[in-house]
Amino acid sequence: MWAVALASNGEAAAPAGLGGIFGALMPLMLIFVIFYFLLILPQRKKQKAHTEMVKNLKNGDKVITTGGVYGTISRIKGNYVEIEIASQVKIRVQRSCVSQLRREE
């Protein structure tokens, strides 16, 4: 009985070669490609648009910070912007903390 089991396993245990390796890695590569197009590529586009928006900020722009503070840019100096959030109330934040330009209401 053992001889029959060993003989049948011996014939079926032929080396798979490179086809087996590529066959095993193909689903993993497919998942990575899908992951890239669904998650990484859109995030890069969004980051590029945000960087462009921050670079083009100017005095008088109405903005919203990442903390949710609404205000108007009163001064830009290097990597910092001064935002007026109320009459005579100004805060200084990094340019990158401006999350979006506010639409006119």
C-alpha atoms as a PDB file:
ATOM      1  CA  MET A   1       0.000   0.000   0.000  1.00  0.00           C
ATOM      2  CA  TRP A   2       2.815   2.394   0.836  1.00  0.00           C
ATOM      3  CA  ALA A   3       4.519   1.541  -2.412  1.00  0.00           C
ATOM      4  CA  VAL A   4       1.429   2.557  -4.391  1.00  0.00           C
ATOM      5  CA  ALA A   5       1.152   5.845  -2.492  1.00  0.00           C
ATOM      6  CA  LEU A   6       4.850   6.647  -2.957  1.00  0.00           C
ATOM      7  CA  ALA A   7       4.754   5.742  -6.629  1.00  0.00           C
ATOM      8  CA  SER A   8       1.764   7.956  -7.339  1.00  0.00           C
ATOM      9  CA  ASN A   9       3.285  10.863  -5.382  1.00  0.00           C
ATOM     10  CA  GLY A  10       6.620  10.444  -7.107  1.00  0.00           C
ATOM     11  CA  GLU A  11       5.120  10.887 -10.562  1.00  0.00           C
ATOM     12  CA  ALA A  12       3.022  13.892  -9.554  1.00  0.00           C
ATOM     13  CA  ALA A  13       5.923  15.621  -7.802  1.00  0.00           C
ATOM     14  CA  ALA A  14       7.680  16.645 -11.017  1.00  0.00           C
ATOM     15  CA  PRO A  15       9.408  20.039 -10.678  1.00  0.00           C
ATOM     16  CA  ALA A  16       7.148  22.945 -11.589  1.00  0.00           C
ATOM     17  CA  GLY A  17       9.963  25.109 -12.980  1.00  0.00           C
ATOM     18  CA  LEU A  18       9.627  28.836 -13.574  1.00  0.00           C
ATOM     19  CA  GLY A  19       5.971  28.616 -14.569  1.00  0.00           C
ATOM     20  CA  GLY A  20       5.094  27.779 -10.991  1.00  0.00           C
ATOM     21  CA  ILE A  21       6.983  30.775  -9.614  1.00  0.00           C
ATOM     22  CA  PHE A  22       5.402  33.230 -12.055  1.00  0.00           C
ATOM     23  CA  GLY A  23       2.016  31.649 -11.506  1.00  0.00           C
ATOM     24  CA  ALA A  24       2.344  32.151  -7.771  1.00  0.00           C
ATOM     25  CA  LEU A  25       3.587  35.748  -8.068  1.00  0.00           C
ATOM     26  CA  MET A  26       1.088  36.840 -10.721  1.00  0.00           C
ATOM     27  CA  PRO A  27      -1.797  37.533  -8.265  1.00  0.00           C
ATOM     28  CA  LEU A  28       0.559  39.510  -6.031  1.00  0.00           C
ATOM     29  CA  MET A  29       1.757  41.639  -8.963  1.00  0.00           C
ATOM     30  CA  LEU A  30      -1.835  42.145 -10.109  1.00  0.00           C
ATOM     31  CA  ILE A  31      -2.847  43.347  -6.633  1.00  0.00           C
ATOM     32  CA  PHE A  32       0.080  45.798  -6.605  1.00  0.00           C
ATOM     33  CA  VAL A  33      -0.893  47.226 -10.017  1.00  0.00           C
ATOM     34  CA  ILE A  34      -4.514  47.690  -8.909  1.00  0.00           C
ATOM     35  CA  PHE A  35      -3.323  49.242  -5.631  1.00  0.00           C
ATOM     36  CA  TYR A  36      -1.110  51.678  -7.578  1.00  0.00           C
ATOM     37  CA  PHE A  37      -3.858  52.870  -9.924  1.00  0.00           C
ATOM     38  CA  LEU A  38      -6.601  53.095  -7.288  1.00  0.00           C
ATOM     39  CA  LEU A  39      -4.666  54.588  -4.364  1.00  0.00           C
ATOM     40  CA  ILE A  40      -1.197  55.896  -5.143  1.00  0.00           C
ATOM     41  CA  LEU A  41      -1.787  57.685  -8.464  1.00  0.00           C
ATOM     42  CA  PRO A  42      -4.841  59.716  -7.314  1.00  0.00           C
ATOM     43  CA  GLN A  43      -3.019  60.704  -4.119  1.00  0.00           C
ATOM     44  CA  ARG A  44      -0.058  61.992  -6.142  1.00  0.00           C
ATOM     45  CA  LYS A  45      -2.373  64.077  -8.325  1.00  0.00           C
ATOM     46  CA  LYS A  46      -4.064  65.529  -5.253  1.00  0.00           C
ATOM     47  CA  GLN A  47      -0.700  66.330  -3.640  1.00  0.00           C
ATOM     48  CA  LYS A  48       0.540  68.020  -6.818  1.00  0.00           C
ATOM     49  CA  ALA A  49      -2.620  70.163  -7.028  1.00  0.00           C
ATOM     50  CA  HIS A  50      -2.256  71.185  -3.356  1.00  0.00           C
ATOM     51  CA  THR A  51       1.403  72.119  -3.841  1.00  0.00           C
ATOM     52  CA  GLU A  52       0.499  74.240  -6.863  1.00  0.00           C
ATOM     53  CA  MET A  53      -2.320  75.956  -4.930  1.00  0.00           C
ATOM     54  CA  VAL A  54       0.005  76.754  -1.993  1.00  0.00           C
ATOM     55  CA  LYS A  55       2.657  78.125  -4.346  1.00  0.00           C
ATOM     56  CA  ASN A  56       0.129  80.487  -5.983  1.00  0.00           C
ATOM     57  CA  LEU A  57      -1.283  81.999  -2.762  1.00  0.00           C
ATOM     58  CA  LYS A  58      -1.473  85.804  -2.727  1.00  0.00           C
ATOM     59  CA  ASN A  59      -2.638  88.589  -0.417  1.00  0.00           C
ATOM     60  CA  GLY A  60      -6.406  88.853  -0.171  1.00  0.00           C
ATOM     61  CA  ASP A  61      -7.102  85.168  -0.861  1.00  0.00           C
ATOM     62  CA  LYS A  62      -9.789  83.693   1.361  1.00  0.00           C
ATOM     63  CA  VAL A  63      -8.563  80.379   2.716  1.00  0.00           C
ATOM     64  CA  ILE A  64      -9.328  77.514   5.076  1.00  0.00           C
ATOM     65  CA  THR A  65      -6.488  76.016   7.129  1.00  0.00           C
ATOM     66  CA  THR A  66      -6.054  72.344   7.952  1.00  0.00           C
ATOM     67  CA  GLY A  67      -7.364  73.154  11.432  1.00  0.00           C
ATOM     68  CA  GLY A  68     -10.607  74.510   9.967  1.00  0.00           C
ATOM     69  CA  VAL A  69      -9.880  78.203  10.544  1.00  0.00           C
ATOM     70  CA  TYR A  70     -11.412  80.551   7.953  1.00  0.00           C
ATOM     71  CA  GLY A  71      -9.609  83.760   7.109  1.00  0.00           C
ATOM     72  CA  THR A  72      -8.078  86.107   4.567  1.00  0.00           C
ATOM     73  CA  ILE A  73      -4.369  86.210   3.781  1.00  0.00           C
ATOM     74  CA  SER A  74      -2.971  89.569   4.823  1.00  0.00           C
ATOM     75  CA  ARG A  75       0.762  88.936   4.349  1.00  0.00           C
ATOM     76  CA  ILE A  76       3.043  86.277   2.896  1.00  0.00           C
ATOM     77  CA  LYS A  77       6.597  85.953   4.147  1.00  0.00           C
ATOM     78  CA  GLY A  78       8.680  82.956   3.063  1.00  0.00           C
ATOM     79  CA  ASN A  79       7.082  79.711   4.196  1.00  0.00           C
ATOM     80  CA  TYR A  80       4.599  81.510   6.448  1.00  0.00           C
ATOM     81  CA  VAL A  81       1.360  83.354   5.765  1.00  0.00           C
ATOM     82  CA  GLU A  82      -0.445  85.751   8.056  1.00  0.00           C
ATOM     83  CA  ILE A  83      -4.186  85.146   8.064  1.00  0.00           C
ATOM     84  CA  GLU A  84      -6.687  87.667   9.369  1.00  0.00           C
ATOM     85  CA  ILE A  85      -9.493  85.696  11.009  1.00  0.00           C
ATOM     86  CA  ALA A  86     -11.373  88.677  12.488  1.00  0.00           C
ATOM     87  CA  SER A  87     -10.958  92.427  12.594  1.00  0.00           C
ATOM     88  CA  GLN A  88      -7.412  93.074  13.868  1.00  0.00           C
ATOM     89  CA  VAL A  89      -6.961  89.369  14.767  1.00  0.00           C
ATOM     90  CA  LYS A  90      -4.166  87.743  12.784  1.00  0.00           C
ATOM     91  CA  ILE A  91      -2.501  84.357  13.040  1.00  0.00           C
ATOM     92  CA  ARG A  92       0.677  83.135  11.399  1.00  0.00           C
ATOM     93  CA  VAL A  93       0.721  79.640   9.911  1.00  0.00           C
ATOM     94  CA  GLN A  94       2.896  77.692   7.527  1.00  0.00           C
ATOM     95  CA  ARG A  95       1.932  77.900   3.880  1.00  0.00           C
ATOM     96  CA  SER A  96       1.433  74.134   3.727  1.00  0.00           C
ATOM     97  CA  CYS A  97      -1.242  74.393   6.461  1.00  0.00           C
ATOM     98  CA  VAL A  98      -3.584  76.144   4.036  1.00  0.00           C
ATOM     99  CA  SER A  99      -5.835  73.331   2.899  1.00  0.00           C
ATOM    100  CA  GLN A 100      -8.014  75.087   0.343  1.00  0.00           C
ATOM    101  CA  LEU A 101      -9.118  78.356  -1.139  1.00  0.00           C
ATOM    102  CA  ARG A 102     -12.545  79.441   0.048  1.00  0.00           C
ATOM    103  CA  ARG A 103     -15.273  79.945  -2.510  1.00  0.00           C
ATOM    104  CA  GLU A 104     -17.075  83.268  -2.520  1.00  0.00           C
ATOM    105  CA  GLU A 105     -20.283  83.019  -0.534  1.00  0.00           C
END
